[in-house]
Amino acid sequence: MADISLAASHEYWSGFQDEAVYRVIVLLETIERNYYDGQADYEQSMSRLGDALSLMRPGDDIKEREALLDVLAYTKTSRYLRILQALDEVTPGAASRVIAAAEKSKRDNVAAQLFLSRNIIFERFRLLPRVLANERLELVVSALGE
């Protein structure tokens, strides 16, 4: 079974190779409110989703991407990223296809809009430490002639 509980998702990301990913997740989750995580019915549904992810075989893909977007849009960052990662582990590129489906339906799908907005925020925060790395800032200072 793919454990996509919040605790397991945090454990997964805390050991991730790129440490910036987990720092951004923790930052974003400190301000996330009004998501379904923690509600008993929702947690049972997440457990069933984890079971379904475990049954996937290489090459399997999500047929109901819109339904998945409805779930991901209202799930805390660590968990929605873990779900996408689990999909990609079974079928490489599956997460990109979910994002592409969100892009395609964003005009009239509020969940797709929210999902994309949250994903863009995550990616921007994840890249920020690289952009503001000391080496780059020193390069800018030297280019400006101190």
C-alpha atoms as a PDB file:
ATOM      1  CA  MET A   1       0.000   0.000   0.000  1.00  0.00           C
ATOM      2  CA  ALA A   2       1.253   3.472  -0.843  1.00  0.00           C
ATOM      3  CA  ASP A   3       1.003   5.345   2.440  1.00  0.00           C
ATOM      4  CA  ILE A   4      -0.108   8.849   1.521  1.00  0.00           C
ATOM      5  CA  SER A   5      -1.061   9.919   5.031  1.00  0.00           C
ATOM      6  CA  LEU A   6       0.180  13.342   6.086  1.00  0.00           C
ATOM      7  CA  ALA A   7       2.709  11.801   8.468  1.00  0.00           C
ATOM      8  CA  ALA A   8       4.060   9.427   5.812  1.00  0.00           C
ATOM      9  CA  SER A   9       4.145  12.224   3.246  1.00  0.00           C
ATOM     10  CA  HIS A  10       6.198  14.387   5.606  1.00  0.00           C
ATOM     11  CA  GLU A  11       8.508  11.477   6.329  1.00  0.00           C
ATOM     12  CA  TYR A  12       8.998  10.889   2.603  1.00  0.00           C
ATOM     13  CA  TRP A  13       9.778  14.525   1.803  1.00  0.00           C
ATOM     14  CA  SER A  14      11.984  15.072   4.869  1.00  0.00           C
ATOM     15  CA  GLY A  15      14.349  12.456   3.463  1.00  0.00           C
ATOM     16  CA  PHE A  16      14.191  13.735  -0.106  1.00  0.00           C
ATOM     17  CA  GLN A  17      17.509  14.430  -1.826  1.00  0.00           C
ATOM     18  CA  ASP A  18      16.715  18.109  -2.502  1.00  0.00           C
ATOM     19  CA  GLU A  19      16.362  19.531   1.014  1.00  0.00           C
ATOM     20  CA  ALA A  20      14.740  22.703  -0.312  1.00  0.00           C
ATOM     21  CA  VAL A  21      11.645  20.695  -1.239  1.00  0.00           C
ATOM     22  CA  TYR A  22      10.839  19.801   2.355  1.00  0.00           C
ATOM     23  CA  ARG A  23      11.604  23.288   3.652  1.00  0.00           C
ATOM     24  CA  VAL A  24       9.156  24.761   1.138  1.00  0.00           C
ATOM     25  CA  ILE A  25       6.516  22.155   2.004  1.00  0.00           C
ATOM     26  CA  VAL A  26       6.757  22.998   5.704  1.00  0.00           C
ATOM     27  CA  LEU A  27       6.599  26.722   4.943  1.00  0.00           C
ATOM     28  CA  LEU A  28       3.529  26.380   2.730  1.00  0.00           C
ATOM     29  CA  GLU A  29       1.711  24.080   5.129  1.00  0.00           C
ATOM     30  CA  THR A  30       2.073  26.611   7.940  1.00  0.00           C
ATOM     31  CA  ILE A  31      -0.269  28.911   6.033  1.00  0.00           C
ATOM     32  CA  GLU A  32      -2.578  26.328   4.456  1.00  0.00           C
ATOM     33  CA  ARG A  33      -6.045  26.362   5.967  1.00  0.00           C
ATOM     34  CA  ASN A  34      -9.449  24.910   5.174  1.00  0.00           C
ATOM     35  CA  TYR A  35      -8.262  21.732   3.528  1.00  0.00           C
ATOM     36  CA  TYR A  36      -9.937  18.393   4.165  1.00  0.00           C
ATOM     37  CA  ASP A  37      -6.847  16.740   5.623  1.00  0.00           C
ATOM     38  CA  GLY A  38      -7.534  15.400   9.103  1.00  0.00           C
ATOM     39  CA  GLN A  39     -11.260  14.838   8.585  1.00  0.00           C
ATOM     40  CA  ALA A  40     -12.130  11.169   9.211  1.00  0.00           C
ATOM     41  CA  ASP A  41     -14.034  10.577   5.962  1.00  0.00           C
ATOM     42  CA  TYR A  42     -11.332  12.271   3.935  1.00  0.00           C
ATOM     43  CA  GLU A  43      -8.570  10.270   5.609  1.00  0.00           C
ATOM     44  CA  GLN A  44     -10.439   7.038   4.817  1.00  0.00           C
ATOM     45  CA  SER A  45     -10.713   8.150   1.201  1.00  0.00           C
ATOM     46  CA  MET A  46      -6.992   8.935   1.133  1.00  0.00           C
ATOM     47  CA  SER A  47      -6.273   5.458   2.472  1.00  0.00           C
ATOM     48  CA  ARG A  48      -8.355   3.963  -0.352  1.00  0.00           C
ATOM     49  CA  LEU A  49      -6.507   6.161  -2.854  1.00  0.00           C
ATOM     50  CA  GLY A  50      -3.220   4.871  -1.443  1.00  0.00           C
ATOM     51  CA  ASP A  51      -4.493   1.313  -1.923  1.00  0.00           C
ATOM     52  CA  ALA A  52      -5.460   2.131  -5.521  1.00  0.00           C
ATOM     53  CA  LEU A  53      -2.019   3.625  -6.175  1.00  0.00           C
ATOM     54  CA  SER A  54      -0.466   0.406  -4.874  1.00  0.00           C
ATOM     55  CA  LEU A  55      -2.459  -1.614  -7.401  1.00  0.00           C
ATOM     56  CA  MET A  56      -1.210   0.404 -10.363  1.00  0.00           C
ATOM     57  CA  ARG A  57       1.210  -1.313 -12.714  1.00  0.00           C
ATOM     58  CA  PRO A  58       3.888   0.258 -14.901  1.00  0.00           C
ATOM     59  CA  GLY A  59       2.208   1.943 -17.822  1.00  0.00           C
ATOM     60  CA  ASP A  60      -1.102   2.453 -15.996  1.00  0.00           C
ATOM     61  CA  ASP A  61      -2.372   5.993 -16.151  1.00  0.00           C
ATOM     62  CA  ILE A  62      -5.088   8.064 -14.521  1.00  0.00           C
ATOM     63  CA  LYS A  63      -8.196   8.157 -16.670  1.00  0.00           C
ATOM     64  CA  GLU A  64     -10.168  10.618 -14.535  1.00  0.00           C
ATOM     65  CA  ARG A  65      -7.623  13.420 -14.229  1.00  0.00           C
ATOM     66  CA  GLU A  66     -10.349  15.985 -13.488  1.00  0.00           C
ATOM     67  CA  ALA A  67     -11.467  13.972 -10.451  1.00  0.00           C
ATOM     68  CA  LEU A  68      -7.864  13.707  -9.287  1.00  0.00           C
ATOM     69  CA  LEU A  69      -7.471  17.479  -9.661  1.00  0.00           C
ATOM     70  CA  ASP A  70     -10.507  17.949  -7.424  1.00  0.00           C
ATOM     71  CA  VAL A  71      -8.682  15.952  -4.749  1.00  0.00           C
ATOM     72  CA  LEU A  72      -5.221  17.462  -5.199  1.00  0.00           C
ATOM     73  CA  ALA A  73      -6.448  21.060  -5.167  1.00  0.00           C
ATOM     74  CA  TYR A  74      -7.840  20.700  -1.645  1.00  0.00           C
ATOM     75  CA  THR A  75      -5.089  18.566  -0.122  1.00  0.00           C
ATOM     76  CA  LYS A  76      -2.079  19.823   1.833  1.00  0.00           C
ATOM     77  CA  THR A  77       1.109  20.311  -0.144  1.00  0.00           C
ATOM     78  CA  SER A  78       3.087  17.368   1.254  1.00  0.00           C
ATOM     79  CA  ARG A  79       0.293  14.960   0.403  1.00  0.00           C
ATOM     80  CA  TYR A  80      -0.591  16.238  -3.061  1.00  0.00           C
ATOM     81  CA  LEU A  81       3.083  16.190  -4.041  1.00  0.00           C
ATOM     82  CA  ARG A  82       3.439  12.669  -2.625  1.00  0.00           C
ATOM     83  CA  ILE A  83       0.455  11.513  -4.693  1.00  0.00           C
ATOM     84  CA  LEU A  84       2.012  12.967  -7.843  1.00  0.00           C
ATOM     85  CA  GLN A  85       5.357  11.376  -6.956  1.00  0.00           C
ATOM     86  CA  ALA A  86       3.677   7.995  -6.389  1.00  0.00           C
ATOM     87  CA  LEU A  87       2.008   8.251  -9.801  1.00  0.00           C
ATOM     88  CA  ASP A  88       5.339   9.066 -11.445  1.00  0.00           C
ATOM     89  CA  GLU A  89       7.030   6.131  -9.706  1.00  0.00           C
ATOM     90  CA  VAL A  90       4.603   3.744 -11.410  1.00  0.00           C
ATOM     91  CA  THR A  91       4.270   5.541 -14.732  1.00  0.00           C
ATOM     92  CA  PRO A  92       6.932   8.162 -15.462  1.00  0.00           C
ATOM     93  CA  GLY A  93       5.334  11.324 -16.821  1.00  0.00           C
ATOM     94  CA  ALA A  94       1.960  10.710 -15.145  1.00  0.00           C
ATOM     95  CA  ALA A  95       2.342  13.765 -12.903  1.00  0.00           C
ATOM     96  CA  SER A  96       3.145  15.939 -15.911  1.00  0.00           C
ATOM     97  CA  ARG A  97      -0.005  14.695 -17.607  1.00  0.00           C
ATOM     98  CA  VAL A  98      -2.047  15.656 -14.535  1.00  0.00           C
ATOM     99  CA  ILE A  99      -0.528  19.150 -14.643  1.00  0.00           C
ATOM    100  CA  ALA A 100      -1.220  19.343 -18.392  1.00  0.00           C
ATOM    101  CA  ALA A 101      -4.841  18.353 -17.747  1.00  0.00           C
ATOM    102  CA  ALA A 102      -5.096  21.166 -15.203  1.00  0.00           C
ATOM    103  CA  GLU A 103      -3.682  23.620 -17.739  1.00  0.00           C
ATOM    104  CA  LYS A 104      -6.178  22.423 -20.322  1.00  0.00           C
ATOM    105  CA  SER A 105      -9.208  22.776 -18.047  1.00  0.00           C
ATOM    106  CA  LYS A 106      -8.213  25.821 -15.991  1.00  0.00           C
ATOM    107  CA  ARG A 107     -10.552  28.198 -17.810  1.00  0.00           C
ATOM    108  CA  ASP A 108     -13.704  26.645 -16.360  1.00  0.00           C
ATOM    109  CA  ASN A 109     -12.418  24.445 -13.525  1.00  0.00           C
ATOM    110  CA  VAL A 110     -11.847  26.186 -10.191  1.00  0.00           C
ATOM    111  CA  ALA A 111     -10.037  23.173  -8.733  1.00  0.00           C
ATOM    112  CA  ALA A 112      -7.615  23.139 -11.679  1.00  0.00           C
ATOM    113  CA  GLN A 113      -6.958  26.860 -11.193  1.00  0.00           C
ATOM    114  CA  LEU A 114      -6.280  26.367  -7.482  1.00  0.00           C
ATOM    115  CA  PHE A 115      -4.068  23.352  -8.114  1.00  0.00           C
ATOM    116  CA  LEU A 116      -1.994  25.213 -10.710  1.00  0.00           C
ATOM    117  CA  SER A 117      -1.682  28.287  -8.528  1.00  0.00           C
ATOM    118  CA  ARG A 118      -0.476  26.234  -5.570  1.00  0.00           C
ATOM    119  CA  ASN A 119       1.912  24.245  -7.753  1.00  0.00           C
ATOM    120  CA  ILE A 120       3.422  27.414  -9.243  1.00  0.00           C
ATOM    121  CA  ILE A 121       3.881  28.893  -5.772  1.00  0.00           C
ATOM    122  CA  PHE A 122       5.608  25.696  -4.641  1.00  0.00           C
ATOM    123  CA  GLU A 123       7.949  25.701  -7.647  1.00  0.00           C
ATOM    124  CA  ARG A 124       8.836  29.371  -7.235  1.00  0.00           C
ATOM    125  CA  PHE A 125       9.623  28.987  -3.543  1.00  0.00           C
ATOM    126  CA  ARG A 126      11.653  25.874  -4.326  1.00  0.00           C
ATOM    127  CA  LEU A 127      13.795  27.786  -6.831  1.00  0.00           C
ATOM    128  CA  LEU A 128      14.277  30.858  -4.657  1.00  0.00           C
ATOM    129  CA  PRO A 129      17.275  29.500  -2.663  1.00  0.00           C
ATOM    130  CA  ARG A 130      19.066  28.738  -5.928  1.00  0.00           C
ATOM    131  CA  VAL A 131      18.380  32.182  -7.343  1.00  0.00           C
ATOM    132  CA  LEU A 132      19.519  33.878  -4.146  1.00  0.00           C
ATOM    133  CA  ALA A 133      22.530  31.624  -3.535  1.00  0.00           C
ATOM    134  CA  ASN A 134      25.583  33.412  -2.126  1.00  0.00           C
ATOM    135  CA  GLU A 135      27.641  32.605  -5.211  1.00  0.00           C
ATOM    136  CA  ARG A 136      25.097  34.285  -7.477  1.00  0.00           C
ATOM    137  CA  LEU A 137      24.754  37.319  -5.250  1.00  0.00           C
ATOM    138  CA  GLU A 138      28.535  37.695  -5.093  1.00  0.00           C
ATOM    139  CA  LEU A 139      28.638  37.464  -8.880  1.00  0.00           C
ATOM    140  CA  VAL A 140      26.057  40.258  -9.148  1.00  0.00           C
ATOM    141  CA  VAL A 141      27.999  42.411  -6.681  1.00  0.00           C
ATOM    142  CA  SER A 142      31.247  41.902  -8.595  1.00  0.00           C
ATOM    143  CA  ALA A 143      29.498  42.625 -11.893  1.00  0.00           C
ATOM    144  CA  LEU A 144      28.208  45.884 -10.468  1.00  0.00           C
ATOM    145  CA  GLY A 145      31.704  46.814  -9.354  1.00  0.00           C
ATOM    146  CA  GLU A 146      30.884  46.549  -5.651  1.00  0.00           C
END
